[in-house]
Each structure stands twice: as structure tokens, then as C-alpha cells.
Amino acid sequence: MMTTIPNLPSLRTQFVNLFIDNTDYGFYTHIEYTGKEYLTRRNWNEDSGIYKVSGFDFTLRDELLLNELGAPLDEAVFETVLEIKRGDDHRALLTMTLKPLS
């Protein structure tokens, strides 16, 4: 369903009702892993940042400040807002948070 929305990447999802030896073990969801392969399948830079977020509002916060190489000034504090799953240079994230939404 998400593939119909332009410019909004989503994870590939598959559903299966698992039966083993005629025993129904229930309905399961397989969700694509968001690692290097996720990025390369979409022709994106494999070193791009991937973050796990529980709440994010696209505003610059002190917790997200970076050094000149794009690394968090304090990774533990950074990860109170965004958990880093992939990537070392987070300047693109900082640039995104500085731009007004339109």
C-alpha cells in the first residue's frame, strides 16, 4: 500500500500463516531489514544514515548537534532522540532539520 505514495520509502512486508505438520502456528509478519541491502536495493548510498525513532518533529535540537565530521557531539545524548542504526556522517540529517517544511 505504501508504494502508491510518491517519495515515501517503506519497508517490504510479507504475511504468512505458518503451518508445520498440520499444526497452525499463527499468522506472522516479515518486515524487511533496514541495513545496507535496503539502501542498495533502492540505489541509495550504502553509507546513508538510518535511524530508529519513537518521536521526531524535524526541528533542530541541542541533542542532535554534530562535530565537523558529522558525528554526534555526544552519541548517548543524540540517541535519546534518534537511535543510530547505520551511518557515521549525520550532516544530511542536520541539514534536513534546518530547512523549513513547505
N, C-alpha and C. Protein backbone atom coordinates (compact mmCIF):
# COMPACT_ATOMS: atom_id res chain seq x y z
N MET A 1 0.81 -1.18 0.00
CA MET A 1 0.00 0.00 0.00
C MET A 1 0.87 1.26 0.00
N MET A 2 1.97 1.25 0.73
CA MET A 2 2.83 2.44 0.82
C MET A 2 3.50 2.77 -0.50
N THR A 3 3.66 1.80 -1.39
CA THR A 3 4.33 2.06 -2.66
C THR A 3 3.53 3.01 -3.54
N THR A 4 2.27 3.21 -3.24
CA THR A 4 1.46 4.13 -4.04
C THR A 4 1.68 5.59 -3.65
N ILE A 5 2.38 5.84 -2.55
CA ILE A 5 2.64 7.21 -2.10
C ILE A 5 4.03 7.62 -2.60
N PRO A 6 4.11 8.62 -3.49
CA PRO A 6 5.41 9.01 -4.05
C PRO A 6 6.33 9.62 -2.99
N ASN A 7 7.63 9.34 -3.13
CA ASN A 7 8.68 9.92 -2.28
C ASN A 7 8.57 9.56 -0.81
N LEU A 8 7.92 8.46 -0.50
CA LEU A 8 7.83 8.00 0.88
C LEU A 8 8.29 6.54 0.92
N PRO A 9 9.57 6.33 1.25
CA PRO A 9 10.07 4.96 1.27
C PRO A 9 9.42 4.14 2.37
N SER A 10 9.28 2.87 2.11
CA SER A 10 8.70 1.98 3.10
C SER A 10 9.45 0.66 3.09
N LEU A 11 9.15 -0.17 4.04
CA LEU A 11 9.78 -1.48 4.14
C LEU A 11 8.91 -2.52 3.45
N ARG A 12 9.55 -3.44 2.76
CA ARG A 12 8.81 -4.55 2.15
C ARG A 12 8.26 -5.43 3.28
N THR A 13 7.00 -5.79 3.15
CA THR A 13 6.34 -6.56 4.20
C THR A 13 5.66 -7.77 3.57
N GLN A 14 5.79 -8.91 4.23
CA GLN A 14 5.15 -10.13 3.76
C GLN A 14 4.41 -10.77 4.93
N PHE A 15 3.31 -11.42 4.62
CA PHE A 15 2.49 -12.06 5.64
C PHE A 15 2.42 -13.56 5.35
N VAL A 16 2.40 -14.35 6.41
CA VAL A 16 2.33 -15.80 6.23
C VAL A 16 1.57 -16.41 7.40
N ASN A 17 0.75 -17.39 7.08
CA ASN A 17 0.11 -18.21 8.11
C ASN A 17 0.93 -19.49 8.18
N LEU A 18 1.65 -19.69 9.27
CA LEU A 18 2.62 -20.77 9.39
C LEU A 18 1.98 -22.07 9.87
N PHE A 19 2.12 -23.10 9.02
CA PHE A 19 1.68 -24.45 9.36
C PHE A 19 2.89 -25.36 9.33
N ILE A 20 3.06 -26.17 10.38
CA ILE A 20 4.10 -27.19 10.42
C ILE A 20 3.44 -28.48 10.89
N ASP A 21 3.56 -29.52 10.06
CA ASP A 21 2.93 -30.81 10.36
C ASP A 21 1.45 -30.65 10.70
N ASN A 22 0.74 -29.91 9.87
CA ASN A 22 -0.70 -29.67 10.01
C ASN A 22 -1.09 -28.93 11.30
N THR A 23 -0.11 -28.33 11.97
CA THR A 23 -0.39 -27.54 13.16
C THR A 23 -0.26 -26.06 12.79
N ASP A 24 -1.30 -25.30 13.06
CA ASP A 24 -1.30 -23.86 12.76
C ASP A 24 -0.58 -23.12 13.87
N TYR A 25 0.56 -22.50 13.53
CA TYR A 25 1.34 -21.74 14.50
C TYR A 25 1.02 -20.25 14.45
N GLY A 26 0.05 -19.88 13.66
CA GLY A 26 -0.41 -18.50 13.65
C GLY A 26 0.02 -17.70 12.44
N PHE A 27 -0.36 -16.44 12.47
CA PHE A 27 -0.13 -15.50 11.38
C PHE A 27 1.07 -14.64 11.74
N TYR A 28 2.06 -14.57 10.85
CA TYR A 28 3.29 -13.83 11.11
C TYR A 28 3.52 -12.76 10.05
N THR A 29 4.24 -11.74 10.45
CA THR A 29 4.62 -10.66 9.54
C THR A 29 6.13 -10.64 9.42
N HIS A 30 6.64 -10.65 8.20
CA HIS A 30 8.07 -10.49 7.95
C HIS A 30 8.27 -9.08 7.40
N ILE A 31 9.12 -8.30 8.06
CA ILE A 31 9.39 -6.93 7.63
C ILE A 31 10.85 -6.83 7.22
N GLU A 32 11.08 -6.23 6.07
CA GLU A 32 12.42 -6.08 5.52
C GLU A 32 13.37 -5.40 6.51
N TYR A 33 14.58 -5.91 6.62
CA TYR A 33 15.60 -5.33 7.48
C TYR A 33 16.14 -4.06 6.83
N THR A 34 16.33 -3.04 7.62
CA THR A 34 16.82 -1.76 7.08
C THR A 34 18.32 -1.62 7.30
N GLY A 35 19.08 -2.33 6.52
CA GLY A 35 20.53 -2.25 6.55
C GLY A 35 21.07 -1.82 5.21
N LYS A 36 22.31 -2.18 4.94
CA LYS A 36 22.98 -1.81 3.70
C LYS A 36 22.20 -2.29 2.47
N GLU A 37 21.65 -3.50 2.54
CA GLU A 37 20.91 -4.05 1.40
C GLU A 37 19.66 -3.22 1.10
N TYR A 38 19.00 -2.74 2.13
CA TYR A 38 17.82 -1.88 1.96
C TYR A 38 18.20 -0.66 1.13
N LEU A 39 19.33 -0.07 1.45
CA LEU A 39 19.79 1.13 0.74
C LEU A 39 20.20 0.83 -0.69
N THR A 40 20.97 -0.23 -0.90
CA THR A 40 21.46 -0.53 -2.24
C THR A 40 20.34 -0.98 -3.17
N ARG A 41 19.33 -1.68 -2.65
CA ARG A 41 18.19 -2.09 -3.49
C ARG A 41 17.43 -0.88 -4.05
N ARG A 42 17.54 0.23 -3.35
CA ARG A 42 16.85 1.45 -3.78
C ARG A 42 17.79 2.44 -4.47
N ASN A 43 19.00 1.98 -4.78
CA ASN A 43 20.03 2.80 -5.41
C ASN A 43 20.39 4.03 -4.59
N TRP A 44 20.42 3.85 -3.27
CA TRP A 44 20.84 4.93 -2.36
C TRP A 44 22.25 4.63 -1.90
N ASN A 45 22.92 5.64 -1.39
CA ASN A 45 24.27 5.49 -0.86
C ASN A 45 24.24 4.51 0.31
N GLU A 46 25.07 3.48 0.25
CA GLU A 46 25.04 2.45 1.30
C GLU A 46 25.56 2.95 2.64
N ASP A 47 26.17 4.13 2.68
CA ASP A 47 26.63 4.71 3.93
C ASP A 47 25.64 5.72 4.50
N SER A 48 24.47 5.81 3.92
CA SER A 48 23.45 6.75 4.40
C SER A 48 23.04 6.41 5.83
N GLY A 49 22.56 7.42 6.51
CA GLY A 49 22.10 7.21 7.88
C GLY A 49 20.73 6.55 7.93
N ILE A 50 20.58 5.64 8.87
CA ILE A 50 19.29 5.03 9.17
C ILE A 50 19.11 5.18 10.68
N TYR A 51 17.92 5.61 11.07
CA TYR A 51 17.66 5.89 12.47
C TYR A 51 16.39 5.20 12.92
N LYS A 52 16.37 4.81 14.18
CA LYS A 52 15.14 4.30 14.79
C LYS A 52 14.60 5.45 15.65
N VAL A 53 13.34 5.75 15.44
CA VAL A 53 12.77 6.91 16.11
C VAL A 53 11.44 6.56 16.75
N SER A 54 11.20 7.10 17.91
CA SER A 54 9.89 6.92 18.53
C SER A 54 9.09 8.21 18.45
N GLY A 55 9.77 9.34 18.29
CA GLY A 55 9.11 10.63 18.10
C GLY A 55 10.11 11.63 17.56
N PHE A 56 9.78 12.27 16.46
CA PHE A 56 10.71 13.20 15.82
C PHE A 56 9.89 14.27 15.13
N ASP A 57 10.28 15.54 15.31
CA ASP A 57 9.47 16.63 14.75
C ASP A 57 10.23 17.54 13.78
N PHE A 58 11.37 17.11 13.27
CA PHE A 58 12.14 17.84 12.25
C PHE A 58 12.59 19.23 12.70
N THR A 59 12.79 19.41 13.99
CA THR A 59 13.35 20.67 14.47
C THR A 59 14.74 20.41 15.05
N LEU A 60 15.61 21.39 14.89
CA LEU A 60 16.97 21.27 15.40
C LEU A 60 16.94 21.32 16.92
N ARG A 61 17.58 20.35 17.53
CA ARG A 61 17.65 20.28 19.00
C ARG A 61 19.11 20.20 19.40
N ASP A 62 19.41 20.64 20.59
CA ASP A 62 20.78 20.56 21.10
C ASP A 62 21.29 19.12 21.13
N GLU A 63 20.40 18.16 21.34
CA GLU A 63 20.79 16.76 21.41
C GLU A 63 21.33 16.25 20.07
N LEU A 64 20.97 16.92 18.97
CA LEU A 64 21.36 16.45 17.64
C LEU A 64 22.58 17.17 17.08
N LEU A 65 23.28 17.95 17.88
CA LEU A 65 24.44 18.69 17.39
C LEU A 65 25.57 17.74 17.00
N LEU A 66 26.28 18.12 15.91
CA LEU A 66 27.32 17.27 15.33
C LEU A 66 28.65 18.01 15.31
N ASN A 67 29.74 17.23 15.21
CA ASN A 67 31.05 17.85 15.01
C ASN A 67 31.25 18.09 13.52
N GLU A 68 32.44 18.57 13.13
CA GLU A 68 32.70 18.93 11.73
C GLU A 68 32.72 17.72 10.80
N LEU A 69 32.84 16.51 11.33
CA LEU A 69 32.83 15.30 10.51
C LEU A 69 31.44 14.67 10.41
N GLY A 70 30.47 15.26 11.08
CA GLY A 70 29.11 14.74 11.03
C GLY A 70 28.79 13.73 12.11
N ALA A 71 29.69 13.55 13.07
CA ALA A 71 29.44 12.62 14.18
C ALA A 71 28.78 13.39 15.33
N PRO A 72 27.92 12.73 16.09
CA PRO A 72 27.29 13.41 17.23
C PRO A 72 28.33 13.90 18.24
N LEU A 73 28.08 15.08 18.80
CA LEU A 73 28.96 15.57 19.85
C LEU A 73 28.94 14.63 21.04
N ASP A 74 27.76 14.10 21.35
CA ASP A 74 27.60 13.12 22.41
C ASP A 74 26.61 12.07 21.91
N GLU A 75 27.13 10.90 21.53
CA GLU A 75 26.27 9.88 20.91
C GLU A 75 25.16 9.42 21.84
N ALA A 76 25.44 9.27 23.12
CA ALA A 76 24.41 8.83 24.06
C ALA A 76 23.27 9.85 24.13
N VAL A 77 23.59 11.11 24.13
CA VAL A 77 22.57 12.16 24.15
C VAL A 77 21.82 12.20 22.82
N PHE A 78 22.56 12.09 21.70
CA PHE A 78 21.96 12.05 20.37
C PHE A 78 20.91 10.94 20.31
N GLU A 79 21.27 9.77 20.85
CA GLU A 79 20.38 8.62 20.75
C GLU A 79 19.20 8.68 21.71
N THR A 80 19.10 9.70 22.53
CA THR A 80 17.87 9.90 23.29
C THR A 80 16.77 10.41 22.37
N VAL A 81 17.16 10.96 21.21
CA VAL A 81 16.20 11.46 20.22
C VAL A 81 16.09 10.48 19.05
N LEU A 82 17.24 10.08 18.49
CA LEU A 82 17.29 9.19 17.34
C LEU A 82 18.32 8.10 17.59
N GLU A 83 17.92 6.85 17.53
CA GLU A 83 18.87 5.75 17.69
C GLU A 83 19.54 5.51 16.34
N ILE A 84 20.85 5.58 16.31
CA ILE A 84 21.60 5.39 15.07
C ILE A 84 21.67 3.90 14.75
N LYS A 85 21.12 3.52 13.60
CA LYS A 85 21.17 2.14 13.15
C LYS A 85 22.26 1.94 12.09
N ARG A 86 22.54 3.00 11.32
CA ARG A 86 23.53 2.91 10.25
C ARG A 86 24.02 4.30 9.92
N GLY A 87 25.29 4.39 9.56
CA GLY A 87 25.88 5.64 9.10
C GLY A 87 26.74 6.30 10.15
N ASP A 88 27.75 7.03 9.67
CA ASP A 88 28.67 7.74 10.55
C ASP A 88 28.58 9.25 10.38
N ASP A 89 28.16 9.69 9.19
CA ASP A 89 28.08 11.12 8.89
C ASP A 89 26.61 11.52 8.87
N HIS A 90 26.21 12.32 9.84
CA HIS A 90 24.80 12.65 10.02
C HIS A 90 24.49 14.09 9.61
N ARG A 91 25.36 14.69 8.79
CA ARG A 91 25.14 16.08 8.36
C ARG A 91 23.89 16.23 7.51
N ALA A 92 23.53 15.23 6.73
CA ALA A 92 22.30 15.31 5.93
C ALA A 92 21.08 15.44 6.84
N LEU A 93 21.09 14.74 7.95
CA LEU A 93 20.00 14.84 8.92
C LEU A 93 19.94 16.26 9.49
N LEU A 94 21.10 16.81 9.83
CA LEU A 94 21.16 18.16 10.36
C LEU A 94 20.65 19.17 9.33
N THR A 95 21.04 18.99 8.07
CA THR A 95 20.58 19.88 7.01
C THR A 95 19.06 19.80 6.86
N MET A 96 18.52 18.59 6.93
CA MET A 96 17.08 18.40 6.81
C MET A 96 16.32 19.10 7.93
N THR A 97 16.86 19.07 9.13
CA THR A 97 16.15 19.69 10.26
C THR A 97 16.22 21.20 10.21
N LEU A 98 17.18 21.76 9.47
CA LEU A 98 17.31 23.21 9.37
C LEU A 98 16.41 23.82 8.31
N LYS A 99 15.94 23.00 7.37
CA LYS A 99 15.12 23.51 6.29
C LYS A 99 13.66 23.57 6.72
N PRO A 100 12.97 24.67 6.41
CA PRO A 100 11.56 24.76 6.76
C PRO A 100 10.72 23.80 5.93
N LEU A 101 9.71 23.23 6.54
CA LEU A 101 8.78 22.36 5.82
C LEU A 101 7.87 23.23 4.97
N SER A 102 7.65 22.80 3.74
CA SER A 102 6.73 23.57 2.88
C SER A 102 5.78 22.67 2.16
